[in-house]
N, C-alpha and C. Protein backbone atom coordinates (compact mmCIF):
# COMPACT_ATOMS: atom_id res chain seq x y z
N LEU A 1 56.98 -59.30 71.26
CA LEU A 1 57.34 -58.72 72.54
C LEU A 1 56.06 -58.27 73.22
N GLY A 2 55.90 -58.66 74.46
CA GLY A 2 54.73 -58.24 75.21
C GLY A 2 55.16 -57.73 76.57
N GLN A 3 54.35 -56.86 77.10
CA GLN A 3 54.65 -56.32 78.42
C GLN A 3 53.38 -56.30 79.25
N ILE A 4 53.50 -56.77 80.46
CA ILE A 4 52.40 -56.69 81.40
C ILE A 4 52.82 -55.70 82.46
N HIS A 5 51.98 -54.73 82.70
CA HIS A 5 52.31 -53.74 83.72
C HIS A 5 51.29 -53.84 84.83
N ASP A 6 51.79 -54.08 86.00
CA ASP A 6 50.93 -54.16 87.17
C ASP A 6 51.67 -53.46 88.29
N SER A 7 50.96 -52.98 89.26
CA SER A 7 51.60 -52.26 90.36
C SER A 7 51.15 -52.82 91.69
N ILE A 8 52.05 -52.77 92.63
CA ILE A 8 51.74 -53.14 94.01
C ILE A 8 52.20 -51.98 94.88
N LEU A 9 51.32 -51.53 95.74
CA LEU A 9 51.67 -50.50 96.70
C LEU A 9 51.83 -51.16 98.06
N ALA A 10 52.98 -50.99 98.67
CA ALA A 10 53.24 -51.63 99.96
C ALA A 10 53.83 -50.61 100.93
N ASP A 11 53.40 -50.69 102.16
CA ASP A 11 54.00 -49.89 103.23
C ASP A 11 54.83 -50.82 104.08
N CYS A 12 56.09 -50.47 104.26
CA CYS A 12 56.93 -51.27 105.15
C CYS A 12 57.93 -50.35 105.83
N PRO A 13 58.43 -50.76 106.98
CA PRO A 13 59.43 -49.94 107.67
C PRO A 13 60.66 -49.75 106.78
N PRO A 14 61.27 -48.58 106.83
CA PRO A 14 62.44 -48.32 105.97
C PRO A 14 63.55 -49.36 106.10
N ASP A 15 63.75 -49.90 107.30
CA ASP A 15 64.83 -50.87 107.46
C ASP A 15 64.47 -52.25 106.92
N GLU A 16 63.25 -52.44 106.43
CA GLU A 16 62.83 -53.72 105.86
C GLU A 16 62.62 -53.66 104.35
N VAL A 17 62.90 -52.52 103.73
CA VAL A 17 62.65 -52.35 102.29
C VAL A 17 63.44 -53.37 101.47
N ASP A 18 64.72 -53.53 101.75
CA ASP A 18 65.53 -54.48 100.97
C ASP A 18 65.00 -55.90 101.11
N ASP A 19 64.67 -56.32 102.34
CA ASP A 19 64.12 -57.66 102.54
C ASP A 19 62.80 -57.84 101.81
N TYR A 20 61.92 -56.84 101.90
CA TYR A 20 60.62 -56.91 101.22
C TYR A 20 60.80 -57.03 99.71
N LEU A 21 61.68 -56.22 99.15
CA LEU A 21 61.86 -56.23 97.69
C LEU A 21 62.52 -57.52 97.21
N ARG A 22 63.45 -58.07 97.98
CA ARG A 22 64.04 -59.37 97.60
C ARG A 22 62.97 -60.46 97.61
N MET A 23 62.11 -60.44 98.63
CA MET A 23 61.03 -61.42 98.71
C MET A 23 60.05 -61.24 97.54
N ALA A 24 59.68 -60.01 97.26
CA ALA A 24 58.76 -59.74 96.15
C ALA A 24 59.36 -60.19 94.82
N GLN A 25 60.64 -59.90 94.63
CA GLN A 25 61.31 -60.31 93.39
C GLN A 25 61.34 -61.83 93.26
N ARG A 26 61.69 -62.53 94.34
CA ARG A 26 61.73 -64.00 94.30
C ARG A 26 60.37 -64.58 93.96
N ILE A 27 59.34 -64.09 94.61
CA ILE A 27 58.00 -64.62 94.36
C ILE A 27 57.52 -64.31 92.95
N MET A 28 57.69 -63.06 92.54
CA MET A 28 57.14 -62.64 91.24
C MET A 28 57.94 -63.12 90.04
N THR A 29 59.23 -63.40 90.21
CA THR A 29 60.03 -63.80 89.05
C THR A 29 60.36 -65.28 89.01
N ARG A 30 60.32 -65.97 90.16
CA ARG A 30 60.66 -67.40 90.16
C ARG A 30 59.54 -68.29 90.68
N GLU A 31 58.99 -67.95 91.81
CA GLU A 31 57.99 -68.82 92.43
C GLU A 31 56.70 -68.93 91.60
N LEU A 32 56.25 -67.83 91.00
CA LEU A 32 55.04 -67.89 90.17
C LEU A 32 55.19 -68.87 89.01
N ALA A 33 56.37 -68.87 88.40
CA ALA A 33 56.59 -69.74 87.26
C ALA A 33 56.57 -71.22 87.65
N LYS A 34 56.87 -71.52 88.91
CA LYS A 34 56.80 -72.91 89.37
C LYS A 34 55.36 -73.38 89.49
N VAL A 35 54.47 -72.47 89.83
CA VAL A 35 53.06 -72.82 90.00
C VAL A 35 52.31 -72.72 88.68
N TRP A 36 52.59 -71.67 87.94
CA TRP A 36 51.92 -71.46 86.65
C TRP A 36 52.89 -71.86 85.55
N LYS A 37 52.88 -73.11 85.15
CA LYS A 37 53.84 -73.66 84.19
C LYS A 37 53.76 -72.98 82.82
N TRP A 38 52.65 -72.34 82.53
CA TRP A 38 52.50 -71.69 81.23
C TRP A 38 53.31 -70.39 81.14
N LEU A 39 53.85 -69.90 82.27
CA LEU A 39 54.72 -68.72 82.23
C LEU A 39 56.10 -69.17 81.74
N ILE A 40 56.40 -68.87 80.49
CA ILE A 40 57.66 -69.35 79.92
C ILE A 40 58.60 -68.21 79.53
N VAL A 41 58.20 -66.99 79.79
CA VAL A 41 59.05 -65.85 79.47
C VAL A 41 59.75 -65.37 80.75
N PRO A 42 60.92 -64.76 80.61
CA PRO A 42 61.59 -64.22 81.79
C PRO A 42 60.76 -63.08 82.39
N LEU A 43 60.66 -63.06 83.71
CA LEU A 43 59.91 -62.02 84.39
C LEU A 43 60.87 -61.11 85.15
N GLN A 44 60.55 -59.82 85.18
CA GLN A 44 61.38 -58.84 85.87
C GLN A 44 60.48 -57.93 86.69
N ILE A 45 61.05 -57.33 87.72
CA ILE A 45 60.32 -56.31 88.45
C ILE A 45 61.20 -55.08 88.59
N GLU A 46 60.56 -53.94 88.76
CA GLU A 46 61.24 -52.69 89.04
C GLU A 46 60.61 -52.12 90.30
N ALA A 47 61.39 -51.37 91.06
CA ALA A 47 60.87 -50.81 92.30
C ALA A 47 61.11 -49.31 92.36
N GLU A 48 60.16 -48.62 92.95
CA GLU A 48 60.29 -47.20 93.26
C GLU A 48 59.91 -47.04 94.73
N VAL A 49 60.65 -46.20 95.43
CA VAL A 49 60.44 -46.02 96.87
C VAL A 49 60.33 -44.53 97.15
N SER A 50 59.39 -44.18 98.00
CA SER A 50 59.28 -42.79 98.45
C SER A 50 59.66 -42.72 99.92
N PRO A 51 60.09 -41.54 100.38
CA PRO A 51 60.46 -41.42 101.79
C PRO A 51 59.23 -41.58 102.70
N VAL A 52 59.49 -41.85 103.98
CA VAL A 52 58.40 -41.96 104.96
C VAL A 52 57.60 -40.65 104.92
N ASN A 53 56.29 -40.78 104.84
CA ASN A 53 55.35 -39.66 104.74
C ASN A 53 55.54 -38.84 103.47
N GLY A 54 56.24 -39.42 102.48
CA GLY A 54 56.44 -38.73 101.22
C GLY A 54 55.28 -38.99 100.26
N SER A 55 55.26 -38.23 99.20
CA SER A 55 54.21 -38.39 98.19
C SER A 55 54.73 -39.25 97.03
N TRP A 56 53.81 -39.63 96.15
CA TRP A 56 54.22 -40.38 94.97
C TRP A 56 55.14 -39.55 94.10
N HIS A 57 55.00 -38.24 94.16
CA HIS A 57 55.86 -37.35 93.39
C HIS A 57 57.33 -37.48 93.81
N GLU A 58 57.56 -37.87 95.05
CA GLU A 58 58.91 -37.97 95.59
C GLU A 58 59.55 -39.35 95.39
N LYS A 59 58.82 -40.29 94.84
CA LYS A 59 59.38 -41.64 94.71
C LYS A 59 60.51 -41.67 93.69
N LYS A 60 61.46 -42.52 93.96
CA LYS A 60 62.65 -42.67 93.11
C LYS A 60 62.86 -44.15 92.81
N GLY A 61 63.48 -44.43 91.66
CA GLY A 61 63.85 -45.80 91.34
C GLY A 61 64.74 -46.36 92.43
N TYR A 62 64.61 -47.66 92.68
CA TYR A 62 65.33 -48.30 93.77
C TYR A 62 65.92 -49.61 93.26
N ALA A 63 67.23 -49.74 93.40
CA ALA A 63 67.90 -50.99 92.97
C ALA A 63 67.64 -52.07 94.00
N ILE A 64 67.19 -53.21 93.56
CA ILE A 64 66.90 -54.32 94.46
C ILE A 64 68.19 -55.05 94.76
N ALA A 65 68.57 -55.06 96.03
CA ALA A 65 69.80 -55.73 96.46
C ALA A 65 69.66 -57.24 96.25
N VAL A 66 70.66 -57.84 95.69
CA VAL A 66 70.62 -59.27 95.42
C VAL A 66 71.11 -60.06 96.59
């Protein structure tokens, strides 16, 4: 079992969060594997979102709408 942990910090308008996260999930879990054939394990992402002008302390887990 292996785990790779990487983070991406993105600023986007609150009404575009779901679209952004769906796009990020598609690219990171499906599209990368098409280009990098050596990726043979299932990939997953998790998201945390903070309110506008909020701090990292205020971020909460966010379910990615399918």
